[in-house]
């Protein structure tokens, strides 16, 4: 009896060897790269964005006190 992981790896190997499977793997890699890029961009923006909002809120707070 083939375990679940072995069955998955066998099906993945069959997909990779077929032309349609290669296209599918390439698209999956492109989507993964876009996801990693978006995550890196968002994590790089969060600190300046947070500081901007804190400065804005403190400016409004000091204007009304």
PDB file of N, CA and C in Angstrom:
ATOM      1  N   UNK A   1       0.851  -1.179   0.000  1.00  0.00           N
ATOM      2  CA  UNK A   1       0.000   0.000   0.000  1.00  0.00           C
ATOM      3  C   UNK A   1       0.895   1.240   0.000  1.00  0.00           C
ATOM      4  N   UNK A   2       0.570   2.200  -0.850  1.00  0.00           N
ATOM      5  CA  UNK A   2       1.349   3.422  -0.980  1.00  0.00           C
ATOM      6  C   UNK A   2       0.813   4.452   0.000  1.00  0.00           C
ATOM      7  N   UNK A   3       1.731   5.087   0.739  1.00  0.00           N
ATOM      8  CA  UNK A   3       1.300   6.093   1.693  1.00  0.00           C
ATOM      9  C   UNK A   3       0.853   7.352   0.950  1.00  0.00           C
ATOM     10  N   UNK A   4       0.213   8.253   1.670  1.00  0.00           N
ATOM     11  CA  UNK A   4      -0.307   9.469   1.063  1.00  0.00           C
ATOM     12  C   UNK A   4       0.786  10.345   0.484  1.00  0.00           C
ATOM     13  N   UNK A   5       1.907  10.456   1.197  1.00  0.00           N
ATOM     14  CA  UNK A   5       3.009  11.288   0.717  1.00  0.00           C
ATOM     15  C   UNK A   5       3.627  10.676  -0.533  1.00  0.00           C
ATOM     16  N   UNK A   6       3.814   9.370  -0.543  1.00  0.00           N
ATOM     17  CA  UNK A   6       4.382   8.706  -1.715  1.00  0.00           C
ATOM     18  C   UNK A   6       3.466   8.870  -2.925  1.00  0.00           C
ATOM     19  N   UNK A   7       2.175   8.780  -2.706  1.00  0.00           N
ATOM     20  CA  UNK A   7       1.212   8.942  -3.799  1.00  0.00           C
ATOM     21  C   UNK A   7       1.268  10.368  -4.341  1.00  0.00           C
ATOM     22  N   UNK A   8       1.365  11.339  -3.438  1.00  0.00           N
ATOM     23  CA  UNK A   8       1.457  12.738  -3.849  1.00  0.00           C
ATOM     24  C   UNK A   8       2.733  12.970  -4.653  1.00  0.00           C
ATOM     25  N   UNK A   9       3.858  12.451  -4.177  1.00  0.00           N
ATOM     26  CA  UNK A   9       5.128  12.637  -4.884  1.00  0.00           C
ATOM     27  C   UNK A   9       5.101  11.968  -6.255  1.00  0.00           C
ATOM     28  N   UNK A  10       4.457  10.806  -6.361  1.00  0.00           N
ATOM     29  CA  UNK A  10       4.345  10.130  -7.642  1.00  0.00           C
ATOM     30  C   UNK A  10       3.518  10.965  -8.618  1.00  0.00           C
ATOM     31  N   UNK A  11       2.399  11.488  -8.146  1.00  0.00           N
ATOM     32  CA  UNK A  11       1.560  12.324  -9.014  1.00  0.00           C
ATOM     33  C   UNK A  11       2.285  13.607  -9.414  1.00  0.00           C
ATOM     34  N   UNK A  12       3.056  14.180  -8.495  1.00  0.00           N
ATOM     35  CA  UNK A  12       3.832  15.371  -8.810  1.00  0.00           C
ATOM     36  C   UNK A  12       4.883  15.062  -9.867  1.00  0.00           C
ATOM     37  N   UNK A  13       5.522  13.920  -9.761  1.00  0.00           N
ATOM     38  CA  UNK A  13       6.526  13.525 -10.745  1.00  0.00           C
ATOM     39  C   UNK A  13       5.881  13.327 -12.119  1.00  0.00           C
ATOM     40  N   UNK A  14       4.711  12.724 -12.165  1.00  0.00           N
ATOM     41  CA  UNK A  14       4.007  12.527 -13.434  1.00  0.00           C
ATOM     42  C   UNK A  14       3.655  13.880 -14.045  1.00  0.00           C
ATOM     43  N   UNK A  15       3.199  14.826 -13.215  1.00  0.00           N
ATOM     44  CA  UNK A  15       2.872  16.159 -13.721  1.00  0.00           C
ATOM     45  C   UNK A  15       4.102  16.861 -14.269  1.00  0.00           C
ATOM     46  N   UNK A  16       5.222  16.735 -13.584  1.00  0.00           N
ATOM     47  CA  UNK A  16       6.446  17.398 -14.024  1.00  0.00           C
ATOM     48  C   UNK A  16       6.931  16.818 -15.343  1.00  0.00           C
ATOM     49  N   UNK A  17       6.783  15.528 -15.529  1.00  0.00           N
ATOM     50  CA  UNK A  17       7.265  14.893 -16.746  1.00  0.00           C
ATOM     51  C   UNK A  17       6.378  15.210 -17.948  1.00  0.00           C
ATOM     52  N   UNK A  18       5.109  15.489 -17.728  1.00  0.00           N
ATOM     53  CA  UNK A  18       4.222  15.850 -18.831  1.00  0.00           C
ATOM     54  C   UNK A  18       4.355  17.327 -19.138  1.00  0.00           C
ATOM     55  N   UNK A  19       4.095  17.721 -20.354  1.00  0.00           N
ATOM     56  CA  UNK A  19       4.215  19.124 -20.762  1.00  0.00           C
ATOM     57  C   UNK A  19       3.236  20.010 -19.997  1.00  0.00           C
ATOM     58  N   UNK A  20       2.003  19.530 -19.822  1.00  0.00           N
ATOM     59  CA  UNK A  20       1.015  20.321 -19.088  1.00  0.00           C
ATOM     60  C   UNK A  20       1.457  20.511 -17.649  1.00  0.00           C
ATOM     61  N   UNK A  21       2.069  19.511 -17.094  1.00  0.00           N
ATOM     62  CA  UNK A  21       2.557  19.596 -15.721  1.00  0.00           C
ATOM     63  C   UNK A  21       3.670  20.614 -15.591  1.00  0.00           C
ATOM     64  N   UNK A  22       4.523  20.707 -16.603  1.00  0.00           N
ATOM     65  CA  UNK A  22       5.597  21.696 -16.561  1.00  0.00           C
ATOM     66  C   UNK A  22       5.022  23.100 -16.578  1.00  0.00           C
ATOM     67  N   UNK A  23       4.010  23.327 -17.396  1.00  0.00           N
ATOM     68  CA  UNK A  23       3.364  24.636 -17.418  1.00  0.00           C
ATOM     69  C   UNK A  23       2.753  24.959 -16.062  1.00  0.00           C
ATOM     70  N   UNK A  24       2.120  23.968 -15.457  1.00  0.00           N
ATOM     71  CA  UNK A  24       1.491  24.156 -14.164  1.00  0.00           C
ATOM     72  C   UNK A  24       2.529  24.504 -13.103  1.00  0.00           C
ATOM     73  N   UNK A  25       3.648  23.810 -13.116  1.00  0.00           N
ATOM     74  CA  UNK A  25       4.711  24.080 -12.149  1.00  0.00           C
ATOM     75  C   UNK A  25       5.290  25.473 -12.376  1.00  0.00           C
ATOM     76  N   UNK A  26       5.470  25.860 -13.623  1.00  0.00           N
ATOM     77  CA  UNK A  26       5.994  27.199 -13.913  1.00  0.00           C
ATOM     78  C   UNK A  26       5.043  28.277 -13.415  1.00  0.00           C
ATOM     79  N   UNK A  27       3.755  28.102 -13.647  1.00  0.00           N
ATOM     80  CA  UNK A  27       2.779  29.078 -13.159  1.00  0.00           C
ATOM     81  C   UNK A  27       2.775  29.130 -11.633  1.00  0.00           C
ATOM     82  N   UNK A  28       2.891  27.983 -10.998  1.00  0.00           N
ATOM     83  CA  UNK A  28       2.927  27.943  -9.534  1.00  0.00           C
ATOM     84  C   UNK A  28       4.160  28.673  -9.006  1.00  0.00           C
ATOM     85  N   UNK A  29       5.290  28.517  -9.676  1.00  0.00           N
ATOM     86  CA  UNK A  29       6.505  29.220  -9.253  1.00  0.00           C
ATOM     87  C   UNK A  29       6.357  30.729  -9.436  1.00  0.00           C
ATOM     88  N   UNK A  30       5.749  31.146 -10.524  1.00  0.00           N
ATOM     89  CA  UNK A  30       5.533  32.578 -10.745  1.00  0.00           C
ATOM     90  C   UNK A  30       4.613  33.148  -9.661  1.00  0.00           C
ATOM     91  N   UNK A  31       3.556  32.442  -9.348  1.00  0.00           N
ATOM     92  CA  UNK A  31       2.635  32.905  -8.308  1.00  0.00           C
ATOM     93  C   UNK A  31       3.345  32.968  -6.961  1.00  0.00           C
ATOM     94  N   UNK A  32       4.177  31.978  -6.664  1.00  0.00           N
ATOM     95  CA  UNK A  32       4.923  31.981  -5.401  1.00  0.00           C
ATOM     96  C   UNK A  32       5.892  33.155  -5.341  1.00  0.00           C
ATOM     97  N   UNK A  33       6.577  33.442  -6.444  1.00  0.00           N
ATOM     98  CA  UNK A  33       7.500  34.576  -6.467  1.00  0.00           C
ATOM     99  C   UNK A  33       6.769  35.900  -6.288  1.00  0.00           C
ATOM    100  N   UNK A  34       5.619  36.031  -6.909  1.00  0.00           N
ATOM    101  CA  UNK A  34       4.817  37.249  -6.737  1.00  0.00           C
ATOM    102  C   UNK A  34       4.382  37.383  -5.281  1.00  0.00           C
ATOM    103  N   UNK A  35       3.981  36.283  -4.688  1.00  0.00           N
ATOM    104  CA  UNK A  35       3.573  36.300  -3.275  1.00  0.00           C
ATOM    105  C   UNK A  35       4.714  36.696  -2.355  1.00  0.00           C
ATOM    106  N   UNK A  36       5.901  36.132  -2.594  1.00  0.00           N
ATOM    107  CA  UNK A  36       7.054  36.494  -1.769  1.00  0.00           C
ATOM    108  C   UNK A  36       7.432  37.956  -1.972  1.00  0.00           C
ATOM    109  N   UNK A  37       7.367  38.425  -3.199  1.00  0.00           N
ATOM    110  CA  UNK A  37       7.678  39.826  -3.468  1.00  0.00           C
ATOM    111  C   UNK A  37       6.697  40.770  -2.791  1.00  0.00           C
ATOM    112  N   UNK A  38       5.425  40.424  -2.857  1.00  0.00           N
ATOM    113  CA  UNK A  38       4.404  41.262  -2.218  1.00  0.00           C
ATOM    114  C   UNK A  38       4.592  41.274  -0.701  1.00  0.00           C
ATOM    115  N   UNK A  39       4.913  40.128  -0.132  1.00  0.00           N
ATOM    116  CA  UNK A  39       5.146  40.057   1.308  1.00  0.00           C
ATOM    117  C   UNK A  39       6.343  40.897   1.708  1.00  0.00           C
ATOM    118  N   UNK A  40       7.415  40.824   0.933  1.00  0.00           N
ATOM    119  CA  UNK A  40       8.607  41.622   1.234  1.00  0.00           C
ATOM    120  C   UNK A  40       8.312  43.108   1.106  1.00  0.00           C
ATOM    121  N   UNK A  41       7.554  43.483   0.096  1.00  0.00           N
ATOM    122  CA  UNK A  41       7.224  44.892  -0.100  1.00  0.00           C
ATOM    123  C   UNK A  41       6.347  45.417   1.032  1.00  0.00           C
ATOM    124  N   UNK A  42       5.376  44.628   1.426  1.00  0.00           N
ATOM    125  CA  UNK A  42       4.472  45.052   2.499  1.00  0.00           C
ATOM    126  C   UNK A  42       5.221  45.162   3.817  1.00  0.00           C
ATOM    127  N   UNK A  43       6.103  44.210   4.108  1.00  0.00           N
ATOM    128  CA  UNK A  43       6.844  44.275   5.366  1.00  0.00           C
ATOM    129  C   UNK A  43       7.825  45.444   5.359  1.00  0.00           C
ATOM    130  N   UNK A  44       8.298  45.864   4.199  1.00  0.00           N
ATOM    131  CA  UNK A  44       9.182  47.015   4.120  1.00  0.00           C
ATOM    132  C   UNK A  44       8.452  48.336   4.259  1.00  0.00           C
ATOM    133  N   UNK A  45       7.171  48.348   3.951  1.00  0.00           N
ATOM    134  CA  UNK A  45       6.376  49.579   3.990  1.00  0.00           C
ATOM    135  C   UNK A  45       5.750  49.809   5.367  1.00  0.00           C
ATOM    136  N   UNK A  46       5.547  48.774   6.135  1.00  0.00           N
ATOM    137  CA  UNK A  46       4.768  48.899   7.370  1.00  0.00           C
ATOM    138  C   UNK A  46       5.372  49.870   8.370  1.00  0.00           C
ATOM    139  N   UNK A  47       6.678  49.838   8.561  1.00  0.00           N
ATOM    140  CA  UNK A  47       7.292  50.716   9.560  1.00  0.00           C
ATOM    141  C   UNK A  47       7.171  52.192   9.181  1.00  0.00           C
ATOM    142  N   UNK A  48       7.529  52.602   7.950  1.00  0.00           N
ATOM    143  CA  UNK A  48       7.325  54.019   7.604  1.00  0.00           C
ATOM    144  C   UNK A  48       5.855  54.442   7.628  1.00  0.00           C
ATOM    145  N   UNK A  49       4.975  53.551   7.239  1.00  0.00           N
ATOM    146  CA  UNK A  49       3.548  53.861   7.262  1.00  0.00           C
ATOM    147  C   UNK A  49       3.060  54.064   8.690  1.00  0.00           C
ATOM    148  N   UNK A  50       3.501  53.179   9.580  1.00  0.00           N
ATOM    149  CA  UNK A  50       3.125  53.300  10.991  1.00  0.00           C
ATOM    150  C   UNK A  50       3.642  54.615  11.572  1.00  0.00           C
ATOM    151  N   UNK A  51       4.904  54.949  11.276  1.00  0.00           N
ATOM    152  CA  UNK A  51       5.472  56.198  11.780  1.00  0.00           C
ATOM    153  C   UNK A  51       4.728  57.411  11.217  1.00  0.00           C
ATOM    154  N   UNK A  52       4.323  57.345   9.972  1.00  0.00           N
ATOM    155  CA  UNK A  52       3.556  58.439   9.375  1.00  0.00           C
ATOM    156  C   UNK A  52       2.229  58.646  10.063  1.00  0.00           C
ATOM    157  N   UNK A  53       1.517  57.556  10.334  1.00  0.00           N
ATOM    158  CA  UNK A  53       0.232  57.677  11.019  1.00  0.00           C
ATOM    159  C   UNK A  53       0.414  58.158  12.452  1.00  0.00           C
ATOM    160  N   UNK A  54       1.477  57.700  13.131  1.00  0.00           N
ATOM    161  CA  UNK A  54       1.719  58.173  14.496  1.00  0.00           C
ATOM    162  C   UNK A  54       2.015  59.668  14.509  1.00  0.00           C
ATOM    163  N   UNK A  55       2.802  60.127  13.542  1.00  0.00           N
ATOM    164  CA  UNK A  55       3.088  61.559  13.455  1.00  0.00           C
ATOM    165  C   UNK A  55       1.841  62.362  13.143  1.00  0.00           C
ATOM    166  N   UNK A  56       1.026  61.843  12.263  1.00  0.00           N
ATOM    167  CA  UNK A  56      -0.233  62.510  11.904  1.00  0.00           C
ATOM    168  C   UNK A  56      -1.164  62.596  13.106  1.00  0.00           C
ATOM    169  N   UNK A  57      -1.304  61.495  13.833  1.00  0.00           N
ATOM    170  CA  UNK A  57      -2.212  61.481  14.984  1.00  0.00           C
ATOM    171  C   UNK A  57      -1.698  62.374  16.109  1.00  0.00           C
ATOM    172  N   UNK A  58      -0.374  62.407  16.310  1.00  0.00           N
ATOM    173  CA  UNK A  58       0.142  63.298  17.360  1.00  0.00           C
ATOM    174  C   UNK A  58      -0.012  64.755  16.946  1.00  0.00           C
ATOM    175  N   UNK A  59       0.111  65.056  15.648  1.00  0.00           N
ATOM    176  CA  UNK A  59      -0.110  66.407  15.180  1.00  0.00           C
ATOM    177  C   UNK A  59      -1.545  66.856  15.373  1.00  0.00           C
ATOM    178  N   UNK A  60      -2.471  65.986  15.095  1.00  0.00           N
ATOM    179  CA  UNK A  60      -3.889  66.321  15.300  1.00  0.00           C
ATOM    180  C   UNK A  60      -4.183  66.462  16.784  1.00  0.00           C
ATOM    181  N   UNK A  61      -3.603  65.582  17.579  1.00  0.00           N
ATOM    182  CA  UNK A  61      -3.830  65.625  19.022  1.00  0.00           C
ATOM    183  C   UNK A  61      -3.302  66.931  19.601  1.00  0.00           C
ATOM    184  N   UNK A  62      -2.126  67.352  19.198  1.00  0.00           N
ATOM    185  CA  UNK A  62      -1.561  68.588  19.744  1.00  0.00           C
ATOM    186  C   UNK A  62      -2.303  69.813  19.215  1.00  0.00           C
ATOM    187  N   UNK A  63      -2.906  69.742  18.064  1.00  0.00           N
ATOM    188  CA  UNK A  63      -3.655  70.868  17.502  1.00  0.00           C
ATOM    189  C   UNK A  63      -4.951  71.109  18.278  1.00  0.00           C
ATOM    190  N   UNK A  64      -5.528  70.067  18.844  1.00  0.00           N
ATOM    191  CA  UNK A  64      -6.802  70.206  19.553  1.00  0.00           C
ATOM    192  C   UNK A  64      -6.647  70.305  21.052  1.00  0.00           C
ATOM    193  N   UNK A  65      -5.400  70.379  21.535  1.00  0.00           N
ATOM    194  CA  UNK A  65      -5.219  70.518  23.003  1.00  0.00           C
ATOM    195  C   UNK A  65      -4.679  71.856  23.338  1.00  0.00           C
TER     196      UNK A  65
END
